[in-house]
N, C-alpha and C. Protein backbone atom coordinates (compact mmCIF):
# COMPACT_ATOMS: atom_id res chain seq x y z
N MET A 1 4.69 4.21 -2.57
CA MET A 1 4.92 5.40 -1.78
C MET A 1 6.28 5.99 -2.15
N ARG A 2 6.29 7.34 -2.18
CA ARG A 2 7.53 8.08 -2.42
C ARG A 2 7.58 9.23 -1.41
N ILE A 3 8.78 9.76 -1.24
CA ILE A 3 8.93 10.98 -0.44
C ILE A 3 9.39 12.07 -1.40
N LEU A 4 8.65 13.17 -1.42
CA LEU A 4 8.97 14.32 -2.25
C LEU A 4 9.41 15.45 -1.34
N ILE A 5 10.56 16.03 -1.62
CA ILE A 5 11.10 17.09 -0.76
C ILE A 5 11.11 18.41 -1.51
N ASP A 6 10.43 19.41 -0.94
CA ASP A 6 10.54 20.79 -1.40
C ASP A 6 11.85 21.29 -0.80
N ALA A 7 12.94 21.14 -1.56
CA ALA A 7 14.28 21.27 -0.97
C ALA A 7 14.80 22.69 -0.82
N ASP A 8 14.18 23.67 -1.46
CA ASP A 8 14.66 25.04 -1.35
C ASP A 8 14.52 25.52 0.10
N GLY A 9 15.63 25.68 0.77
CA GLY A 9 15.62 26.14 2.16
C GLY A 9 15.24 25.07 3.17
N CYS A 10 15.27 23.80 2.78
CA CYS A 10 14.86 22.70 3.68
C CYS A 10 16.06 22.18 4.47
N PRO A 11 16.01 22.27 5.81
CA PRO A 11 17.16 21.85 6.62
C PRO A 11 17.25 20.34 6.88
N VAL A 12 16.29 19.56 6.39
CA VAL A 12 16.28 18.12 6.72
C VAL A 12 16.45 17.22 5.50
N VAL A 13 16.97 17.76 4.41
CA VAL A 13 17.14 16.96 3.19
C VAL A 13 17.97 15.72 3.46
N ASP A 14 19.10 15.87 4.12
CA ASP A 14 19.99 14.73 4.38
C ASP A 14 19.30 13.67 5.24
N ILE A 15 18.55 14.10 6.24
CA ILE A 15 17.83 13.17 7.11
C ILE A 15 16.81 12.38 6.29
N VAL A 16 16.06 13.06 5.45
CA VAL A 16 15.03 12.40 4.65
C VAL A 16 15.64 11.39 3.69
N VAL A 17 16.69 11.80 2.99
CA VAL A 17 17.34 10.91 2.03
C VAL A 17 17.87 9.67 2.75
N GLN A 18 18.50 9.88 3.89
CA GLN A 18 19.05 8.76 4.66
C GLN A 18 17.95 7.79 5.10
N MET A 19 16.83 8.32 5.58
CA MET A 19 15.74 7.46 6.04
C MET A 19 15.04 6.77 4.88
N ALA A 20 14.88 7.46 3.77
CA ALA A 20 14.26 6.85 2.59
C ALA A 20 15.11 5.69 2.10
N LYS A 21 16.40 5.91 2.06
CA LYS A 21 17.34 4.87 1.62
C LYS A 21 17.27 3.65 2.55
N LYS A 22 17.25 3.92 3.84
CA LYS A 22 17.19 2.84 4.84
C LYS A 22 15.92 2.02 4.71
N HIS A 23 14.81 2.66 4.35
CA HIS A 23 13.52 1.98 4.25
C HIS A 23 13.17 1.61 2.81
N ASP A 24 14.14 1.78 1.91
CA ASP A 24 13.97 1.42 0.50
C ASP A 24 12.75 2.10 -0.13
N ILE A 25 12.68 3.41 0.07
CA ILE A 25 11.58 4.22 -0.46
C ILE A 25 12.16 5.23 -1.43
N GLU A 26 11.49 5.39 -2.56
CA GLU A 26 11.96 6.37 -3.55
C GLU A 26 11.90 7.77 -2.96
N CYS A 27 12.94 8.53 -3.17
CA CYS A 27 13.03 9.89 -2.65
C CYS A 27 13.34 10.83 -3.81
N ILE A 28 12.53 11.88 -3.94
CA ILE A 28 12.71 12.84 -5.01
C ILE A 28 12.89 14.23 -4.40
N ILE A 29 13.99 14.86 -4.76
CA ILE A 29 14.31 16.21 -4.30
C ILE A 29 13.91 17.18 -5.41
N LEU A 30 13.10 18.17 -5.09
CA LEU A 30 12.70 19.19 -6.07
C LEU A 30 13.28 20.52 -5.62
N CYS A 31 13.96 21.20 -6.54
CA CYS A 31 14.56 22.49 -6.22
C CYS A 31 14.60 23.37 -7.46
N ASP A 32 14.95 24.64 -7.26
CA ASP A 32 15.09 25.52 -8.42
C ASP A 32 16.58 25.65 -8.78
N THR A 33 16.85 26.37 -9.84
CA THR A 33 18.21 26.46 -10.37
C THR A 33 19.19 27.19 -9.46
N SER A 34 18.69 27.86 -8.41
CA SER A 34 19.62 28.54 -7.49
C SER A 34 20.16 27.59 -6.42
N HIS A 35 19.69 26.35 -6.41
CA HIS A 35 20.16 25.34 -5.47
C HIS A 35 20.68 24.14 -6.24
N VAL A 36 21.66 23.48 -5.69
CA VAL A 36 22.21 22.29 -6.32
C VAL A 36 22.16 21.16 -5.30
N PHE A 37 21.45 20.11 -5.65
CA PHE A 37 21.34 18.95 -4.77
C PHE A 37 21.69 17.70 -5.57
N GLN A 38 22.68 16.99 -5.14
CA GLN A 38 23.02 15.68 -5.68
C GLN A 38 23.25 14.79 -4.47
N LYS A 39 22.28 13.98 -4.15
CA LYS A 39 22.38 13.12 -2.98
C LYS A 39 22.28 11.67 -3.42
N ASP A 40 23.21 10.87 -2.96
CA ASP A 40 23.17 9.44 -3.23
C ASP A 40 21.91 8.86 -2.61
N GLY A 41 21.12 8.17 -3.40
CA GLY A 41 19.89 7.58 -2.88
C GLY A 41 18.65 8.41 -3.17
N ALA A 42 18.82 9.51 -3.89
CA ALA A 42 17.68 10.38 -4.22
C ALA A 42 17.80 10.86 -5.65
N LYS A 43 16.67 11.09 -6.25
CA LYS A 43 16.61 11.67 -7.60
C LYS A 43 16.34 13.15 -7.43
N THR A 44 17.06 13.99 -8.17
CA THR A 44 16.87 15.44 -8.08
C THR A 44 16.23 15.96 -9.36
N LEU A 45 15.17 16.75 -9.19
CA LEU A 45 14.51 17.43 -10.29
C LEU A 45 14.70 18.92 -10.08
N THR A 46 15.24 19.59 -11.08
CA THR A 46 15.52 21.03 -10.96
C THR A 46 14.61 21.80 -11.92
N PHE A 47 14.04 22.89 -11.41
CA PHE A 47 13.09 23.70 -12.17
C PHE A 47 13.57 25.14 -12.24
N SER A 48 13.03 25.89 -13.17
CA SER A 48 13.42 27.29 -13.31
C SER A 48 13.06 28.08 -12.06
N LYS A 49 13.67 29.26 -11.92
CA LYS A 49 13.47 30.09 -10.73
C LYS A 49 12.18 30.91 -10.78
N GLY A 50 11.21 30.49 -11.55
CA GLY A 50 9.94 31.22 -11.60
C GLY A 50 9.20 31.13 -10.29
N ALA A 51 8.28 32.07 -10.09
CA ALA A 51 7.49 32.09 -8.86
C ALA A 51 6.73 30.77 -8.71
N ASP A 52 7.01 30.06 -7.65
CA ASP A 52 6.30 28.82 -7.30
C ASP A 52 6.47 27.69 -8.32
N SER A 53 7.46 27.74 -9.17
CA SER A 53 7.63 26.68 -10.18
C SER A 53 7.86 25.32 -9.52
N VAL A 54 8.66 25.29 -8.48
CA VAL A 54 8.92 24.03 -7.77
C VAL A 54 7.63 23.55 -7.10
N ASP A 55 6.89 24.47 -6.49
CA ASP A 55 5.66 24.10 -5.79
C ASP A 55 4.66 23.44 -6.73
N PHE A 56 4.44 24.06 -7.88
CA PHE A 56 3.47 23.51 -8.82
C PHE A 56 3.93 22.18 -9.40
N ALA A 57 5.22 22.04 -9.64
CA ALA A 57 5.75 20.77 -10.12
C ALA A 57 5.55 19.68 -9.07
N LEU A 58 5.81 20.02 -7.83
CA LEU A 58 5.65 19.05 -6.75
C LEU A 58 4.19 18.62 -6.62
N VAL A 59 3.27 19.56 -6.64
CA VAL A 59 1.84 19.23 -6.54
C VAL A 59 1.43 18.32 -7.69
N ASN A 60 1.92 18.60 -8.88
CA ASN A 60 1.58 17.78 -10.04
C ASN A 60 2.14 16.37 -9.94
N LEU A 61 3.27 16.20 -9.27
CA LEU A 61 3.89 14.89 -9.11
C LEU A 61 3.29 14.07 -7.96
N ALA A 62 2.79 14.75 -6.95
CA ALA A 62 2.36 14.08 -5.71
C ALA A 62 1.13 13.21 -5.93
N ASN A 63 1.18 12.04 -5.31
CA ASN A 63 0.07 11.09 -5.33
C ASN A 63 -0.38 10.80 -3.90
N VAL A 64 -1.54 10.20 -3.79
CA VAL A 64 -2.15 9.93 -2.48
C VAL A 64 -1.21 9.18 -1.53
N ASP A 65 -0.43 8.24 -2.00
CA ASP A 65 0.42 7.44 -1.12
C ASP A 65 1.75 8.11 -0.78
N ASP A 66 2.00 9.30 -1.30
CA ASP A 66 3.28 9.97 -1.10
C ASP A 66 3.31 10.76 0.21
N ILE A 67 4.54 11.05 0.64
CA ILE A 67 4.78 11.94 1.76
C ILE A 67 5.55 13.14 1.20
N VAL A 68 5.06 14.34 1.48
CA VAL A 68 5.72 15.56 1.03
C VAL A 68 6.34 16.25 2.22
N ILE A 69 7.58 16.70 2.07
CA ILE A 69 8.28 17.46 3.11
C ILE A 69 8.40 18.90 2.62
N THR A 70 7.80 19.83 3.37
CA THR A 70 7.87 21.24 3.01
C THR A 70 7.64 22.11 4.23
N GLN A 71 8.14 23.34 4.17
CA GLN A 71 7.83 24.31 5.21
C GLN A 71 6.90 25.39 4.67
N ASP A 72 6.43 25.20 3.44
CA ASP A 72 5.58 26.16 2.75
C ASP A 72 4.11 25.83 2.99
N TYR A 73 3.41 26.70 3.71
CA TYR A 73 2.00 26.44 4.04
C TYR A 73 1.12 26.37 2.79
N GLY A 74 1.40 27.23 1.82
CA GLY A 74 0.60 27.22 0.59
C GLY A 74 0.75 25.90 -0.15
N LEU A 75 1.98 25.43 -0.28
CA LEU A 75 2.23 24.14 -0.92
C LEU A 75 1.59 23.02 -0.12
N ALA A 76 1.68 23.09 1.19
CA ALA A 76 1.07 22.08 2.04
C ALA A 76 -0.44 22.01 1.79
N ALA A 77 -1.08 23.17 1.70
CA ALA A 77 -2.53 23.21 1.46
C ALA A 77 -2.88 22.57 0.12
N MET A 78 -2.09 22.86 -0.91
CA MET A 78 -2.36 22.27 -2.22
C MET A 78 -2.19 20.74 -2.18
N CYS A 79 -1.18 20.27 -1.46
CA CYS A 79 -0.96 18.83 -1.34
C CYS A 79 -2.07 18.17 -0.54
N LEU A 80 -2.52 18.83 0.52
CA LEU A 80 -3.61 18.27 1.32
C LEU A 80 -4.88 18.12 0.49
N SER A 81 -5.09 19.02 -0.46
CA SER A 81 -6.28 18.92 -1.31
C SER A 81 -6.23 17.67 -2.18
N LYS A 82 -5.04 17.09 -2.34
CA LYS A 82 -4.88 15.84 -3.09
C LYS A 82 -4.77 14.64 -2.16
N SER A 83 -5.05 14.84 -0.87
CA SER A 83 -4.98 13.78 0.16
C SER A 83 -3.58 13.21 0.31
N VAL A 84 -2.57 14.07 0.16
CA VAL A 84 -1.18 13.68 0.35
C VAL A 84 -0.80 13.97 1.80
N VAL A 85 0.03 13.13 2.39
CA VAL A 85 0.54 13.38 3.74
C VAL A 85 1.65 14.42 3.63
N VAL A 86 1.56 15.47 4.47
CA VAL A 86 2.54 16.56 4.39
C VAL A 86 3.15 16.81 5.76
N LEU A 87 4.46 16.90 5.80
CA LEU A 87 5.21 17.05 7.04
C LEU A 87 6.15 18.24 6.92
N ASN A 88 6.28 19.03 8.01
CA ASN A 88 7.24 20.13 7.96
C ASN A 88 8.57 19.71 8.57
N GLN A 89 9.55 20.58 8.51
CA GLN A 89 10.92 20.27 8.92
C GLN A 89 11.08 20.06 10.42
N ASN A 90 10.03 20.37 11.19
CA ASN A 90 10.09 20.19 12.65
C ASN A 90 9.28 18.99 13.11
N GLY A 91 8.75 18.21 12.17
CA GLY A 91 7.99 17.02 12.53
C GLY A 91 6.51 17.28 12.75
N ILE A 92 6.03 18.43 12.33
CA ILE A 92 4.60 18.72 12.46
C ILE A 92 3.90 18.31 11.17
N GLU A 93 2.88 17.48 11.31
CA GLU A 93 2.11 17.06 10.14
C GLU A 93 1.04 18.10 9.86
N TYR A 94 1.02 18.58 8.63
CA TYR A 94 -0.03 19.50 8.22
C TYR A 94 -1.30 18.68 7.99
N THR A 95 -2.42 19.18 8.49
CA THR A 95 -3.69 18.48 8.33
C THR A 95 -4.78 19.50 8.02
N SER A 96 -5.95 18.99 7.72
CA SER A 96 -7.09 19.88 7.49
C SER A 96 -7.48 20.60 8.78
N ASN A 97 -7.03 20.09 9.91
CA ASN A 97 -7.34 20.72 11.21
C ASN A 97 -6.42 21.89 11.55
N ASN A 98 -5.23 21.95 10.94
CA ASN A 98 -4.31 23.04 11.31
C ASN A 98 -3.92 23.96 10.16
N ILE A 99 -4.20 23.59 8.92
CA ILE A 99 -3.69 24.36 7.78
C ILE A 99 -4.33 25.74 7.68
N ASP A 100 -5.62 25.86 7.98
CA ASP A 100 -6.28 27.17 7.88
C ASP A 100 -5.66 28.18 8.83
N ALA A 101 -5.38 27.77 10.05
CA ALA A 101 -4.77 28.67 11.04
C ALA A 101 -3.35 29.06 10.60
N LEU A 102 -2.62 28.12 10.03
CA LEU A 102 -1.27 28.42 9.57
C LEU A 102 -1.29 29.39 8.38
N LEU A 103 -2.22 29.19 7.46
CA LEU A 103 -2.35 30.11 6.33
C LEU A 103 -2.75 31.50 6.79
N LEU A 104 -3.64 31.57 7.78
CA LEU A 104 -4.05 32.87 8.32
C LEU A 104 -2.86 33.57 8.98
N ALA A 105 -2.06 32.84 9.74
CA ALA A 105 -0.88 33.42 10.39
C ALA A 105 0.10 33.94 9.33
N ARG A 106 0.27 33.19 8.25
CA ARG A 106 1.16 33.63 7.17
C ARG A 106 0.63 34.91 6.53
N HIS A 107 -0.66 34.96 6.30
CA HIS A 107 -1.28 36.15 5.70
C HIS A 107 -1.13 37.37 6.62
N THR A 108 -1.35 37.17 7.91
CA THR A 108 -1.23 38.26 8.88
C THR A 108 0.21 38.78 8.93
N ALA A 109 1.17 37.87 8.93
CA ALA A 109 2.58 38.27 8.95
C ALA A 109 2.94 39.06 7.69
N LYS A 110 2.40 38.64 6.56
CA LYS A 110 2.68 39.35 5.31
C LYS A 110 2.10 40.77 5.37
N LYS A 111 0.91 40.92 5.93
CA LYS A 111 0.30 42.24 6.06
C LYS A 111 1.14 43.14 6.97
N ILE A 112 1.65 42.60 8.05
CA ILE A 112 2.50 43.37 8.97
C ILE A 112 3.77 43.83 8.26
N ARG A 113 4.40 42.90 7.53
CA ARG A 113 5.64 43.26 6.82
C ARG A 113 5.37 44.29 5.72
N SER A 114 4.28 44.14 5.01
CA SER A 114 4.00 45.07 3.90
C SER A 114 3.64 46.46 4.39
N SER A 115 3.21 46.57 5.64
CA SER A 115 2.91 47.89 6.19
C SER A 115 4.10 48.49 6.95
N GLY A 116 5.28 47.87 6.79
CA GLY A 116 6.49 48.40 7.39
C GLY A 116 6.86 47.78 8.72
N GLY A 117 6.06 46.86 9.20
CA GLY A 117 6.35 46.20 10.48
C GLY A 117 7.45 45.17 10.34
N ARG A 118 8.02 44.81 11.46
CA ARG A 118 9.09 43.82 11.47
C ARG A 118 8.68 42.67 12.37
N LEU A 119 9.05 41.48 11.95
CA LEU A 119 8.79 40.29 12.74
C LEU A 119 10.11 39.58 13.03
N LYS A 120 10.17 38.90 14.15
CA LYS A 120 11.37 38.16 14.50
C LYS A 120 11.48 36.93 13.59
N GLY A 121 12.65 36.68 13.06
CA GLY A 121 12.88 35.53 12.20
C GLY A 121 12.98 34.24 13.01
N PRO A 122 13.13 33.14 12.33
CA PRO A 122 13.23 31.86 13.03
C PRO A 122 14.52 31.77 13.83
N SER A 123 14.45 31.05 14.93
CA SER A 123 15.64 30.86 15.75
C SER A 123 16.52 29.78 15.13
N LYS A 124 17.75 29.68 15.60
CA LYS A 124 18.70 28.70 15.08
C LYS A 124 18.15 27.29 15.31
N ARG A 125 18.33 26.43 14.32
CA ARG A 125 17.83 25.06 14.39
C ARG A 125 18.53 24.29 15.50
N LYS A 126 17.72 23.48 16.21
CA LYS A 126 18.24 22.71 17.35
C LYS A 126 18.19 21.22 17.05
N LYS A 127 19.02 20.46 17.73
CA LYS A 127 19.06 19.01 17.57
C LYS A 127 17.71 18.38 17.91
N GLU A 128 16.99 18.98 18.84
CA GLU A 128 15.68 18.46 19.24
C GLU A 128 14.69 18.51 18.06
N GLN A 129 14.82 19.54 17.23
CA GLN A 129 13.95 19.65 16.06
C GLN A 129 14.24 18.53 15.07
N ASP A 130 15.51 18.23 14.86
CA ASP A 130 15.87 17.11 13.99
C ASP A 130 15.34 15.79 14.55
N ALA A 131 15.47 15.61 15.85
CA ALA A 131 14.98 14.38 16.49
C ALA A 131 13.47 14.25 16.36
N ALA A 132 12.75 15.35 16.56
CA ALA A 132 11.28 15.33 16.43
C ALA A 132 10.89 15.02 14.99
N PHE A 133 11.62 15.60 14.03
CA PHE A 133 11.34 15.34 12.62
C PHE A 133 11.56 13.86 12.30
N LYS A 134 12.71 13.32 12.70
CA LYS A 134 13.02 11.91 12.43
C LYS A 134 11.96 10.99 13.01
N SER A 135 11.56 11.27 14.24
CA SER A 135 10.56 10.45 14.92
C SER A 135 9.24 10.46 14.16
N LYS A 136 8.79 11.63 13.76
CA LYS A 136 7.51 11.74 13.05
C LYS A 136 7.60 11.10 11.67
N LEU A 137 8.70 11.30 10.95
CA LEU A 137 8.84 10.68 9.63
C LEU A 137 8.85 9.17 9.76
N LEU A 138 9.53 8.64 10.74
CA LEU A 138 9.54 7.19 10.96
C LEU A 138 8.13 6.69 11.23
N GLN A 139 7.39 7.41 12.05
CA GLN A 139 5.99 7.06 12.35
C GLN A 139 5.17 7.02 11.06
N LEU A 140 5.34 8.01 10.19
CA LEU A 140 4.59 8.05 8.94
C LEU A 140 5.01 6.92 8.01
N LEU A 141 6.30 6.61 7.97
CA LEU A 141 6.76 5.51 7.13
C LEU A 141 6.19 4.19 7.60
N MET A 142 6.13 3.99 8.89
CA MET A 142 5.56 2.76 9.44
C MET A 142 4.06 2.68 9.17
N ARG A 143 3.39 3.80 9.30
CA ARG A 143 1.93 3.85 9.04
C ARG A 143 1.64 3.55 7.58
N HIS A 144 2.47 4.06 6.68
CA HIS A 144 2.24 3.87 5.24
C HIS A 144 2.64 2.47 4.77
N SER A 145 3.60 1.86 5.46
CA SER A 145 4.06 0.55 5.00
C SER A 145 3.19 -0.59 5.49
N SER A 146 2.30 -0.31 6.44
CA SER A 146 1.46 -1.40 6.95
C SER A 146 0.15 -1.51 6.21
């Protein structure tokens, strides 16, 4: 088992690296050239700034026993098609039961923005979100290690 992090814009990189190190699990950070990540206890793979280059690299690397951390619904859907466990930065596990609704919401939001509409952005990250993420990641690590 490994943990793969879609690190571009990911607020929980440090938490993931720390937990992976504590549980002696390989951790791989994937990012594009506009981000720089060097974390003790993790391997960093950097890709060109092409459209979805990091996403496609991550999908190609992911295996059934891996855990992927991403906030990208499209990437999550591709990973789910490979039976990979996928978790977002708030501790929500993407599954075949929720991914279609999330993709539809993303599509609807894109249509609103492209027609000139405005949507409220995400609120400031809270400590409770970090705690929920840690709890869920720990649960997944325990489930995978047994």
